Amino acid sequence: MSGKSFIAELRCKPESRQRLIDLQVELKALVVEQEPDALVYELLQSDDDPDLFMVVATFTDDAAFDAHMSIDFHDRLVPPILECLAEDMKLSFFRSLP
């Protein structure tokens, strides 16, 4: 089965920018440390708009993605990340091609 990826677009409230960065950096470090089936987890900040971020993640398969969604630190960090947003997160899913 092919890998599962997502791209999340996050627009934060200007006053919450540093909090969002801190939470996402912590989330990224924990993913890298504790999720061996997470092949990519990147936090990107726009050069043109400091309040616009993209998170790009790739997992080996659906099971690895499901594990990511249910891991304890995900449940602890994602709600405060969502509180930092100025609008709903835009989330798109993709499949890796050979």
Protein backbone atom coordinates (compact mmCIF):
# COMPACT_ATOMS: atom_id res chain seq x y z
CA MET A 1 0.00 0.00 0.00
CA SER A 2 1.23 3.50 -0.76
CA GLY A 3 2.13 6.09 1.84
CA LYS A 4 -0.43 8.54 3.17
CA SER A 5 0.37 12.24 3.30
CA PHE A 6 -1.38 15.39 4.35
CA ILE A 7 -0.83 19.07 3.81
CA ALA A 8 -2.38 21.38 6.38
CA GLU A 9 -2.65 25.12 5.82
CA LEU A 10 -2.71 27.04 9.09
CA ARG A 11 -3.41 30.76 9.35
CA CYS A 12 -2.75 31.93 12.87
CA LYS A 13 -3.87 34.96 14.77
CA PRO A 14 -0.93 37.39 14.75
CA GLU A 15 -0.88 37.52 18.54
CA SER A 16 -0.73 33.69 18.65
CA ARG A 17 2.08 33.22 16.12
CA GLN A 18 4.85 32.35 18.58
CA ARG A 19 2.56 30.02 20.55
CA LEU A 20 1.64 28.20 17.33
CA ILE A 21 5.31 27.88 16.39
CA ASP A 22 6.25 26.59 19.85
CA LEU A 23 3.45 23.99 19.85
CA GLN A 24 4.19 22.83 16.31
CA VAL A 25 7.93 22.57 16.99
CA GLU A 26 7.17 20.41 20.02
CA LEU A 27 4.76 18.28 17.98
CA LYS A 28 7.33 17.84 15.20
CA ALA A 29 10.04 16.78 17.66
CA LEU A 30 7.76 14.20 19.25
CA VAL A 31 6.68 12.83 15.87
CA VAL A 32 10.32 12.43 14.81
CA GLU A 33 11.24 10.86 18.15
CA GLN A 34 8.28 8.53 18.70
CA GLU A 35 6.77 7.74 15.30
CA PRO A 36 9.18 5.71 13.14
CA ASP A 37 6.51 5.31 10.45
CA ALA A 38 6.27 9.08 10.00
CA LEU A 39 8.63 9.59 7.08
CA VAL A 40 8.21 13.36 6.85
CA TYR A 41 6.87 15.96 9.25
CA GLU A 42 7.70 19.53 8.29
CA LEU A 43 6.48 22.88 9.54
CA LEU A 44 6.84 25.65 6.96
CA GLN A 45 6.28 29.38 7.39
CA SER A 46 5.51 31.65 4.44
CA ASP A 47 8.18 34.14 3.40
CA ASP A 48 5.45 36.58 2.38
CA ASP A 49 2.99 36.17 5.22
CA PRO A 50 4.37 35.40 8.72
CA ASP A 51 0.96 34.20 9.90
CA LEU A 52 0.65 31.51 7.21
CA PHE A 53 2.05 28.03 7.88
CA MET A 54 1.96 24.69 6.11
CA VAL A 55 2.46 21.33 7.76
CA VAL A 56 3.50 18.52 5.40
CA ALA A 57 3.52 14.96 6.71
CA THR A 58 3.98 11.56 5.12
CA PHE A 59 3.34 8.24 6.81
CA THR A 60 4.22 4.77 5.55
CA ASP A 61 0.56 3.74 5.37
CA ASP A 62 -2.93 4.32 6.74
CA ALA A 63 -2.13 2.46 9.95
CA ALA A 64 0.81 4.79 10.66
CA PHE A 65 -1.42 7.81 10.04
CA ASP A 66 -4.12 6.38 12.33
CA ALA A 67 -1.47 5.79 15.02
CA HIS A 68 -0.37 9.43 14.66
CA MET A 69 -3.92 10.64 15.10
CA SER A 70 -4.39 8.65 18.31
CA ILE A 71 -1.00 9.11 20.00
CA ASP A 72 -1.20 10.81 23.39
CA PHE A 73 0.82 13.91 22.56
CA HIS A 74 -1.34 14.58 19.47
CA ASP A 75 -4.42 14.84 21.69
CA ARG A 76 -2.53 17.15 24.08
CA LEU A 77 -1.02 19.52 21.46
CA VAL A 78 -3.57 19.80 18.66
CA PRO A 79 -6.40 21.53 20.60
CA PRO A 80 -4.17 24.46 21.68
CA ILE A 81 -2.76 24.64 18.13
CA LEU A 82 -6.30 24.99 16.79
CA GLU A 83 -6.97 27.75 19.34
CA CYS A 84 -4.15 29.76 17.74
CA LEU A 85 -5.83 29.78 14.33
CA ALA A 86 -7.62 32.76 12.81
CA GLU A 87 -9.66 30.47 10.54
CA ASP A 88 -10.36 26.79 10.04
CA MET A 89 -7.39 24.67 9.06
CA LYS A 90 -7.40 23.59 5.41
CA LEU A 91 -6.46 19.93 5.23
CA SER A 92 -5.78 17.86 2.11
CA PHE A 93 -4.77 14.21 1.85
CA PHE A 94 -2.53 12.61 -0.76
CA ARG A 95 -1.09 9.22 -1.73
CA SER A 96 2.54 8.62 -2.61
CA LEU A 97 3.12 7.38 -6.14
CA PRO A 98 5.84 4.92 -7.14
